[in-house]
Amino acid sequence: MKSDDRVIEISNVWKIFGGRPELALKAIQDRGLSKAEVLAEFNAVVGVADVSLSVNRGEIFCIMGLSGSGKSTLVRHFNRLLEPTAGKIEIEGTDVMALAPKELQAFRNRKIGMVFQNFALMPHRSVLDNVAMPLEIRQVAKNERMRQAAAILDIVELGAWGSKFAHELSGGMQQRVGLARALAANPDVLLMDEPFSALDPLIRRQLQDEFIRLSKILKKTTIFITHDLDEAVRIGDRIAIMRDGKVVQIGTAEDIVMNPADDYVADFVAGISRLKVVHAHAVMQPIAAYMAHNGPITVDAPRVDGHETLSNLITLAIDDDSPIVVNAAGADVGIITRADLLRTVIEGTEVS
């Protein structure tokens, strides 16, 4: 990916909570103290530990981990709701750490939209007024901000609810209003901290689908925080898994499921079904190696591209005895046998 496609870059970010964070950080770097040792010696908590990552334009980048892993702490550094103990943060080429208070306020208002688990709607304002708030802060004329807010409400399919108040809406509808409010100012970046986790499972899945639909339309660069791996797999272009304030692995869902970085990640993804996550290119064996042992491929063998899902590959294998040929740019590049499929499914089965 070219550097000019990167919207967010953070480098070596640390956050240590306590009275002497700089001394604690120096001790970590000089003596290699563990998180527990930092707590014992400095009465300080390591919230984020030396995190570096980049996010590409239009990407949905999921950061996930268990409670206490540091994911929500990390996302609050992107717009300096929390000040890092050390590190560098750049958004659209702007050094966020160098911004003075007024510059930072303007930067947040114009560049970044936030959606939290708590809907945080103003109960005395109508839905339309709530959505228009970021534009009001920007001092956009009333008629224009109401027009823009109404247009965003139409996009999230709540156009008929503009005159209602928050208490008249369901939880799912309130969260869609929160999303509309974040989008109203047309930010370059969306920060979403477990936005759907307080909702019932059915409503949550409906909002995930709605967010996926909106993302295809609006193409906003999004940081999406979740503790739910299924949600990350459904939504994310890439996923970062955190543990004890550190990023353990970054990759696509397929990368992480097929090649976990360590035992912690392997345990984390053990329960994920591979059927919709793994694709043909990750399962295939090189066609030359196969033909060297088995001879030429029949002309009528089923052919797929490298993005075909494991689920569809299994269906093909049930219906046709021939090995499946993987084709890229008009050329046959790989072979998938029933044994390859069975091995992939078995390796992805959680053993009790």
Protein backbone atom coordinates (compact mmCIF):
# COMPACT_ATOMS: atom_id res chain seq x y z
CA MET A 1 0.00 0.00 0.00
CA LYS A 2 1.39 3.41 -0.94
CA SER A 3 2.07 5.76 1.94
CA ASP A 4 -0.38 8.34 0.52
CA ASP A 5 -3.16 5.76 0.94
CA ARG A 6 -2.56 5.69 4.69
CA VAL A 7 -4.93 7.89 6.65
CA ILE A 8 -3.80 6.97 10.17
CA GLU A 9 -0.32 6.11 11.36
CA ILE A 10 0.61 5.64 15.00
CA SER A 11 4.12 4.77 16.07
CA ASN A 12 5.41 3.39 19.40
CA VAL A 13 2.45 4.66 21.42
CA TRP A 14 2.55 4.07 25.17
CA LYS A 15 -0.01 4.96 27.81
CA ILE A 16 0.91 4.48 31.45
CA PHE A 17 -1.59 5.54 34.11
CA GLY A 18 -0.12 6.71 37.39
CA GLY A 19 1.80 9.49 39.09
CA ARG A 20 5.18 8.82 37.46
CA PRO A 21 4.47 7.52 33.96
CA GLU A 22 7.74 8.74 32.40
CA LEU A 23 9.84 7.03 35.08
CA ALA A 24 7.80 3.85 34.72
CA LEU A 25 8.30 3.90 30.95
CA LYS A 26 12.05 4.40 31.32
CA ALA A 27 12.19 1.44 33.70
CA ILE A 28 10.28 -0.71 31.21
CA GLN A 29 12.64 0.24 28.40
CA ASP A 30 15.84 -0.02 30.48
CA ARG A 31 15.04 -3.04 32.64
CA GLY A 32 12.28 -4.83 30.74
CA LEU A 33 9.76 -4.66 33.59
CA SER A 34 6.55 -6.60 33.18
CA LYS A 35 3.10 -5.06 33.61
CA ALA A 36 2.85 -6.60 37.10
CA GLU A 37 6.31 -5.31 38.07
CA VAL A 38 5.41 -1.78 36.92
CA LEU A 39 2.30 -1.89 39.10
CA ALA A 40 4.29 -3.13 42.12
CA GLU A 41 7.20 -0.69 41.78
CA PHE A 42 5.54 2.48 40.49
CA ASN A 43 1.86 1.91 41.36
CA ALA A 44 1.24 2.49 37.64
CA VAL A 45 -0.86 0.63 35.08
CA VAL A 46 0.33 0.00 31.52
CA GLY A 47 -2.74 0.66 29.36
CA VAL A 48 -1.07 0.68 25.93
CA ALA A 49 2.37 -0.79 25.31
CA ASP A 50 4.45 0.26 22.30
CA VAL A 51 1.69 0.03 19.69
CA SER A 52 2.41 0.85 16.05
CA LEU A 53 -0.09 0.43 13.22
CA SER A 54 -1.41 2.12 10.08
CA VAL A 55 -4.91 2.32 8.63
CA ASN A 56 -5.60 2.74 4.94
CA ARG A 57 -8.08 5.04 3.26
CA GLY A 58 -11.62 3.65 3.32
CA GLU A 59 -10.59 0.68 5.46
CA ILE A 60 -12.60 -0.73 8.35
CA PHE A 61 -9.88 -1.59 10.85
CA CYS A 62 -11.11 -3.61 13.83
CA ILE A 63 -9.24 -3.56 17.11
CA MET A 64 -10.32 -6.34 19.38
CA GLY A 65 -9.43 -8.11 22.58
CA LEU A 66 -10.83 -9.19 25.89
CA SER A 67 -11.84 -6.74 28.61
CA GLY A 68 -8.74 -4.93 29.88
CA SER A 69 -6.70 -5.61 26.75
CA GLY A 70 -6.29 -1.87 26.02
CA LYS A 71 -8.43 -1.58 22.90
CA SER A 72 -10.72 1.24 24.14
CA THR A 73 -7.76 3.02 25.73
CA LEU A 74 -5.92 2.90 22.42
CA VAL A 75 -8.77 4.33 20.33
CA ARG A 76 -9.00 7.37 22.61
CA HIS A 77 -5.46 8.31 21.59
CA PHE A 78 -6.35 8.83 17.95
CA ASN A 79 -8.03 12.15 18.73
CA ARG A 80 -6.20 12.77 22.01
CA LEU A 81 -9.09 12.22 24.36
CA LEU A 82 -6.22 10.53 26.17
CA GLU A 83 -2.70 11.91 25.97
CA PRO A 84 -0.10 9.21 25.29
CA THR A 85 2.87 8.86 27.59
CA ALA A 86 5.02 8.50 24.47
CA GLY A 87 4.65 7.95 20.74
CA LYS A 88 3.54 9.61 17.53
CA ILE A 89 0.04 9.94 16.02
CA GLU A 90 -0.61 11.18 12.49
CA ILE A 91 -3.99 11.52 10.77
CA GLU A 92 -4.13 12.67 7.14
CA GLY A 93 -0.52 13.82 7.53
CA THR A 94 -1.28 15.99 10.58
CA ASP A 95 0.84 15.44 13.67
CA VAL A 96 -1.97 15.25 16.20
CA MET A 97 0.44 15.54 19.13
CA ALA A 98 1.62 18.95 17.89
CA LEU A 99 -1.84 20.56 17.87
CA ALA A 100 -2.58 23.34 20.35
CA PRO A 101 -5.91 23.07 22.26
CA LYS A 102 -7.96 25.21 19.84
CA GLU A 103 -6.38 23.51 16.82
CA LEU A 104 -7.14 20.11 18.35
CA GLN A 105 -10.77 21.06 18.94
CA ALA A 106 -11.17 22.20 15.34
CA PHE A 107 -9.38 19.07 14.09
CA ARG A 108 -11.72 16.80 16.05
CA ASN A 109 -14.78 18.65 14.78
CA ARG A 110 -13.78 18.52 11.12
CA LYS A 111 -11.79 15.32 10.76
CA ILE A 112 -13.11 12.79 13.28
CA GLY A 113 -16.55 11.39 14.15
CA MET A 114 -17.10 9.23 17.22
CA VAL A 115 -19.73 6.62 18.04
CA PHE A 116 -19.75 5.05 21.50
CA GLN A 117 -21.63 2.19 23.15
CA ASN A 118 -23.62 4.83 25.06
CA PHE A 119 -25.86 6.58 22.52
CA ALA A 120 -25.37 9.96 24.33
CA LEU A 121 -28.33 11.64 22.59
CA MET A 122 -29.59 14.92 24.02
CA PRO A 123 -33.07 14.12 25.45
CA HIS A 124 -34.38 17.69 25.06
CA ARG A 125 -33.48 17.81 21.34
CA SER A 126 -35.29 16.15 18.48
CA VAL A 127 -33.60 13.47 16.42
CA LEU A 128 -32.95 16.03 13.67
CA ASP A 129 -31.44 18.50 16.16
CA ASN A 130 -29.23 15.79 17.62
CA VAL A 131 -27.87 14.88 14.19
CA ALA A 132 -27.30 18.57 13.35
CA MET A 133 -25.24 19.25 16.51
CA PRO A 134 -21.76 18.86 14.94
CA LEU A 135 -22.76 21.31 12.22
CA GLU A 136 -24.13 23.72 14.81
CA ILE A 137 -20.78 23.60 16.61
CA ARG A 138 -19.16 24.39 13.29
CA GLN A 139 -21.54 27.39 13.04
CA VAL A 140 -23.23 26.24 9.86
CA ALA A 141 -26.39 28.24 9.17
CA LYS A 142 -29.52 26.64 10.62
CA ASN A 143 -31.33 25.93 7.35
CA GLU A 144 -28.24 24.35 5.83
CA ARG A 145 -27.40 22.21 8.84
CA MET A 146 -30.98 20.95 9.04
CA ARG A 147 -30.87 20.11 5.35
CA GLN A 148 -27.64 18.16 5.77
CA ALA A 149 -28.90 16.41 8.91
CA ALA A 150 -32.10 15.38 7.12
CA ALA A 151 -30.05 13.97 4.24
CA ILE A 152 -27.97 11.86 6.64
CA LEU A 153 -31.11 10.62 8.40
CA ASP A 154 -32.39 9.46 5.03
CA ILE A 155 -29.14 7.53 4.47
CA VAL A 156 -29.58 5.66 7.77
CA GLU A 157 -33.26 5.14 6.91
CA LEU A 158 -34.64 7.30 9.72
CA GLY A 159 -35.88 10.23 7.64
CA ALA A 160 -39.42 9.93 8.99
CA TRP A 161 -38.25 10.12 12.61
CA GLY A 162 -36.57 13.54 12.58
CA SER A 163 -39.19 15.24 14.76
CA LYS A 164 -39.17 12.49 17.42
CA PHE A 165 -37.21 12.49 20.67
CA ALA A 166 -34.70 9.88 21.84
CA HIS A 167 -37.07 8.22 24.33
CA GLU A 168 -39.51 7.53 21.49
CA LEU A 169 -36.94 5.40 19.62
CA SER A 170 -35.76 1.85 20.19
CA GLY A 171 -32.17 1.19 21.21
CA GLY A 172 -31.20 0.20 17.69
CA MET A 173 -32.76 3.33 16.24
CA GLN A 174 -31.00 5.50 18.82
CA GLN A 175 -27.66 4.01 17.83
CA ARG A 176 -28.41 4.76 14.17
CA VAL A 177 -29.07 8.37 15.20
CA GLY A 178 -25.69 8.36 16.96
CA LEU A 179 -24.07 7.09 13.78
CA ALA A 180 -25.89 9.73 11.71
CA ARG A 181 -24.67 12.45 14.07
CA ALA A 182 -21.08 11.26 13.65
CA LEU A 183 -21.51 11.28 9.86
CA ALA A 184 -23.25 14.67 9.66
CA ALA A 185 -20.02 16.65 9.77
CA ASN A 186 -18.61 14.48 6.96
CA PRO A 187 -15.48 13.42 8.90
CA ASP A 188 -12.55 11.67 7.25
CA VAL A 189 -12.26 9.19 10.12
CA LEU A 190 -14.86 7.36 12.24
CA LEU A 191 -13.93 6.04 15.69
CA MET A 192 -16.46 3.46 16.88
CA ASP A 193 -16.03 2.03 20.37
CA GLU A 194 -18.17 -1.11 20.78
CA PRO A 195 -21.14 0.72 19.24
CA PHE A 196 -23.45 -2.28 19.05
CA SER A 197 -22.46 -4.29 22.12
CA ALA A 198 -25.33 -3.04 24.34
CA LEU A 199 -27.98 -4.18 21.86
CA ASP A 200 -29.91 -7.42 21.60
CA PRO A 201 -28.29 -10.01 19.26
CA LEU A 202 -30.85 -9.67 16.46
CA ILE A 203 -30.76 -5.85 16.48
CA ARG A 204 -26.99 -5.97 16.73
CA ARG A 205 -26.72 -8.10 13.60
CA GLN A 206 -29.15 -5.82 11.75
CA LEU A 207 -27.01 -2.80 12.64
CA GLN A 208 -23.87 -4.61 11.55
CA ASP A 209 -25.51 -5.18 8.17
CA GLU A 210 -26.59 -1.54 8.07
CA PHE A 211 -23.07 -0.36 8.88
CA ILE A 212 -21.57 -2.61 6.19
CA ARG A 213 -24.07 -1.13 3.70
CA LEU A 214 -23.22 2.44 4.72
CA SER A 215 -19.50 1.76 4.56
CA LYS A 216 -19.80 0.68 0.93
CA ILE A 217 -21.63 3.93 0.15
CA LEU A 218 -19.64 6.45 2.21
CA LYS A 219 -16.20 4.75 2.26
CA LYS A 220 -15.19 6.27 5.59
CA THR A 221 -11.91 5.22 7.17
CA THR A 222 -13.09 3.51 10.35
CA ILE A 223 -11.53 2.28 13.57
CA PHE A 224 -13.99 -0.23 15.03
CA ILE A 225 -13.48 -1.49 18.58
CA THR A 226 -15.09 -4.78 19.61
CA HIS A 227 -14.60 -7.69 21.99
CA ASP A 228 -16.59 -9.95 19.65
CA LEU A 229 -14.49 -11.84 17.10
CA ASP A 230 -17.55 -12.79 15.03
CA GLU A 231 -18.37 -9.09 14.71
CA ALA A 232 -14.79 -8.25 13.73
CA VAL A 233 -14.78 -10.98 11.10
CA ARG A 234 -18.08 -9.74 9.61
CA ILE A 235 -17.13 -6.08 9.56
CA GLY A 236 -13.36 -5.67 9.40
CA ASP A 237 -11.09 -5.46 6.39
CA ARG A 238 -8.24 -6.10 8.83
CA ILE A 239 -8.16 -6.99 12.51
CA ALA A 240 -5.69 -6.15 15.26
CA ILE A 241 -5.80 -8.44 18.31
CA MET A 242 -4.65 -6.88 21.60
CA ARG A 243 -3.53 -8.43 24.86
CA ASP A 244 -2.18 -6.63 27.95
CA GLY A 245 -1.92 -3.35 26.06
CA LYS A 246 0.07 -4.83 23.17
CA VAL A 247 -0.96 -5.60 19.60
CA VAL A 248 -0.31 -9.32 19.21
CA GLN A 249 -1.25 -9.72 15.53
CA ILE A 250 -2.61 -7.66 12.64
CA GLY A 251 -4.09 -9.20 9.51
CA THR A 252 -7.21 -10.13 7.62
CA ALA A 253 -9.58 -12.56 9.31
CA GLU A 254 -8.23 -15.24 7.00
CA ASP A 255 -4.60 -14.43 7.89
CA ILE A 256 -5.33 -14.66 11.60
CA VAL A 257 -7.45 -17.82 11.43
CA MET A 258 -5.03 -19.67 9.14
CA ASN A 259 -1.77 -18.39 10.66
CA PRO A 260 -2.22 -17.33 14.30
CA ALA A 261 0.85 -15.57 15.68
CA ASP A 262 0.90 -17.49 18.98
CA ASP A 263 -1.08 -19.80 21.22
CA TYR A 264 -3.13 -16.89 22.60
CA VAL A 265 -4.38 -15.94 19.13
CA ALA A 266 -4.92 -19.58 18.22
CA ASP A 267 -7.13 -20.03 21.29
CA PHE A 268 -8.88 -16.76 20.52
CA VAL A 269 -9.91 -17.82 17.01
CA ALA A 270 -10.45 -21.53 17.72
CA GLY A 271 -14.23 -21.23 17.75
CA ILE A 272 -14.55 -19.27 14.50
CA SER A 273 -16.05 -21.14 11.56
CA ARG A 274 -13.68 -21.12 8.60
CA LEU A 275 -16.46 -21.59 6.06
CA LYS A 276 -16.91 -17.88 5.22
CA VAL A 277 -13.46 -16.68 6.32
CA VAL A 278 -11.06 -18.92 4.40
CA HIS A 279 -10.80 -18.60 0.61
CA ALA A 280 -9.47 -20.72 -2.22
CA HIS A 281 -6.04 -19.05 -2.44
CA ALA A 282 -5.31 -20.07 1.18
CA VAL A 283 -6.27 -23.72 0.63
CA MET A 284 -4.82 -24.50 -2.79
CA GLN A 285 -1.60 -26.32 -3.59
CA PRO A 286 0.56 -25.19 -6.56
CA ILE A 287 -0.71 -26.66 -9.80
CA ALA A 288 2.76 -27.66 -11.04
CA ALA A 289 3.47 -29.75 -7.94
CA TYR A 290 0.11 -31.46 -8.22
CA MET A 291 0.52 -32.27 -11.92
CA ALA A 292 4.03 -33.64 -11.35
CA HIS A 293 2.51 -36.41 -9.23
CA ASN A 294 -0.97 -36.78 -10.74
CA GLY A 295 -0.71 -35.84 -14.40
CA PRO A 296 -2.68 -33.21 -16.36
CA ILE A 297 -5.95 -31.65 -15.21
CA THR A 298 -9.12 -32.56 -17.06
CA VAL A 299 -10.63 -29.78 -19.14
CA ASP A 300 -14.03 -30.07 -17.47
CA ALA A 301 -12.71 -29.78 -13.88
CA PRO A 302 -14.55 -27.11 -11.89
CA ARG A 303 -12.78 -23.76 -11.85
CA VAL A 304 -12.99 -20.93 -9.31
CA ASP A 305 -11.13 -17.73 -8.57
CA GLY A 306 -8.94 -17.30 -5.52
CA HIS A 307 -11.65 -15.49 -3.54
CA GLU A 308 -14.14 -18.37 -3.51
CA THR A 309 -15.14 -19.24 0.07
CA LEU A 310 -14.44 -22.56 1.76
CA SER A 311 -18.19 -23.12 2.08
CA ASN A 312 -18.71 -22.91 -1.69
CA LEU A 313 -15.62 -25.02 -2.35
CA ILE A 314 -17.04 -27.81 -0.19
CA THR A 315 -20.32 -27.65 -2.11
CA LEU A 316 -18.40 -27.97 -5.39
CA ALA A 317 -16.43 -30.93 -4.06
CA ILE A 318 -19.64 -32.70 -3.07
CA ASP A 319 -21.09 -32.29 -6.55
CA ASP A 320 -17.94 -33.12 -8.57
CA ASP A 321 -15.27 -35.79 -8.02
CA SER A 322 -12.59 -33.80 -9.89
CA PRO A 323 -10.09 -31.59 -8.04
CA ILE A 324 -11.04 -27.91 -8.09
CA VAL A 325 -8.85 -25.68 -10.22
CA VAL A 326 -8.05 -22.16 -9.00
CA ASN A 327 -7.78 -19.65 -11.81
CA ALA A 328 -6.19 -16.19 -11.69
CA ALA A 329 -6.04 -13.72 -14.59
CA GLY A 330 -7.02 -16.46 -17.05
CA ALA A 331 -4.35 -18.93 -15.92
CA ASP A 332 -4.68 -22.07 -13.79
CA VAL A 333 -2.53 -21.50 -10.69
CA GLY A 334 -3.64 -24.00 -8.07
CA ILE A 335 -5.48 -27.20 -7.21
CA ILE A 336 -7.77 -27.99 -4.30
CA THR A 337 -8.53 -31.63 -3.55
CA ARG A 338 -11.11 -33.05 -1.18
CA ALA A 339 -8.22 -33.91 1.15
CA ASP A 340 -7.16 -30.24 1.17
CA LEU A 341 -10.69 -29.18 2.10
CA LEU A 342 -11.04 -31.82 4.80
CA ARG A 343 -7.68 -30.87 6.32
CA THR A 344 -8.65 -27.19 6.43
CA VAL A 345 -11.98 -27.94 8.13
CA ILE A 346 -10.43 -30.32 10.69
CA GLU A 347 -7.63 -27.90 11.59
CA GLY A 348 -10.29 -25.24 12.20
CA THR A 349 -12.36 -27.43 14.51
CA GLU A 350 -12.12 -26.69 18.19
CA VAL A 351 -11.20 -29.88 20.01
CA SER A 352 -12.65 -30.22 23.52
